[in-house]
């Protein structure tokens, strides 16, 4: 028996407040990914070891990161760690 893959398209219509929160979340996620990646690369060049940083460590320096959901930032960390590990396994 074959498995059939199905896709469901959903369109959302956020109000103005929700739109602002979505844009903040995306912007903060992009910022923290790039910033954490730069720190990891710099640390690896100096120490030849992986840096274990978290989004929470950046919230003191950038308090506006507290405005978005912490799980979104945690997912960014998870994706970055995965990409970093995959890069060293399959250069």
Protein backbone atom coordinates (compact mmCIF):
# COMPACT_ATOMS: atom_id res chain seq x y z
CA UNK A 1 0.00 0.00 0.00
CA UNK A 2 1.41 3.38 -1.02
CA UNK A 3 1.44 6.32 1.30
CA UNK A 4 -0.05 9.46 -0.20
CA UNK A 5 1.46 12.77 0.81
CA UNK A 6 -0.99 15.62 1.04
CA UNK A 7 -0.44 19.30 1.43
CA UNK A 8 -2.77 21.78 3.02
CA UNK A 9 -2.47 25.47 2.24
CA UNK A 10 -3.66 27.82 4.93
CA UNK A 11 -3.91 31.55 4.55
CA UNK A 12 -3.91 33.71 7.65
CA UNK A 13 -5.16 37.24 8.01
CA UNK A 14 -3.43 38.74 11.03
CA UNK A 15 -4.61 42.03 12.42
CA UNK A 16 -2.16 44.94 12.75
CA UNK A 17 -0.96 43.95 16.24
CA UNK A 18 -0.39 40.34 15.21
CA UNK A 19 1.43 41.44 12.06
CA UNK A 20 3.83 43.55 14.14
CA UNK A 21 4.51 40.63 16.49
CA UNK A 22 5.14 38.25 13.56
CA UNK A 23 7.58 40.72 11.99
CA UNK A 24 9.38 41.22 15.33
CA UNK A 25 9.71 37.47 15.78
CA UNK A 26 11.11 36.95 12.29
CA UNK A 27 13.50 39.90 12.65
CA UNK A 28 14.77 38.80 16.05
CA UNK A 29 15.19 35.23 14.83
CA UNK A 30 17.25 36.39 11.87
CA UNK A 31 19.34 38.69 14.08
CA UNK A 32 20.07 36.06 16.74
CA UNK A 33 20.93 33.40 14.13
CA UNK A 34 23.48 35.64 12.42
CA UNK A 35 24.91 36.96 15.69
CA UNK A 36 25.25 33.50 17.25
CA UNK A 37 26.80 32.15 14.05
CA UNK A 38 29.38 34.95 13.97
CA UNK A 39 30.27 34.29 17.63
CA UNK A 40 30.56 30.55 17.00
CA UNK A 41 32.82 31.08 13.99
CA UNK A 42 35.03 33.55 15.83
CA UNK A 43 35.32 31.26 18.86
CA UNK A 44 36.14 28.27 16.67
CA UNK A 45 38.89 30.17 14.84
CA UNK A 46 40.52 31.10 18.16
CA UNK A 47 39.95 28.00 20.29
CA UNK A 48 39.28 25.22 17.74
CA UNK A 49 36.34 24.22 19.94
CA UNK A 50 32.59 24.66 19.65
CA UNK A 51 30.99 27.55 21.52
CA UNK A 52 27.85 26.63 23.46
CA UNK A 53 25.90 29.89 23.42
CA UNK A 54 22.20 30.45 23.97
CA UNK A 55 19.80 33.24 23.00
CA UNK A 56 19.31 34.00 26.70
CA UNK A 57 22.93 35.14 26.98
CA UNK A 58 22.23 37.91 24.46
CA UNK A 59 19.12 39.29 26.16
CA UNK A 60 21.12 41.45 28.60
CA UNK A 61 22.94 43.18 25.77
CA UNK A 62 19.85 43.36 23.54
CA UNK A 63 16.78 43.70 25.80
CA UNK A 64 14.41 43.98 22.82
CA UNK A 65 14.91 40.22 22.29
CA UNK A 66 12.65 39.73 25.32
CA UNK A 67 9.69 41.02 23.30
CA UNK A 68 9.44 37.84 21.21
CA UNK A 69 8.60 34.28 22.15
CA UNK A 70 11.56 32.48 23.70
CA UNK A 71 10.64 29.25 21.91
CA UNK A 72 11.16 30.95 18.55
CA UNK A 73 14.66 31.92 19.62
CA UNK A 74 15.29 28.44 21.04
CA UNK A 75 14.36 26.97 17.66
CA UNK A 76 16.89 29.28 16.04
CA UNK A 77 19.55 27.92 18.39
CA UNK A 78 18.53 24.34 17.60
CA UNK A 79 18.71 24.94 13.83
CA UNK A 80 22.08 26.68 14.14
CA UNK A 81 23.54 23.86 16.23
CA UNK A 82 22.26 21.33 13.71
CA UNK A 83 23.77 23.24 10.79
CA UNK A 84 27.09 23.66 12.59
CA UNK A 85 27.34 19.97 13.45
CA UNK A 86 26.32 18.92 9.94
CA UNK A 87 28.97 21.21 8.45
CA UNK A 88 31.72 19.47 10.40
CA UNK A 89 30.38 15.99 9.61
CA UNK A 90 29.95 16.69 5.88
CA UNK A 91 32.27 19.55 4.90
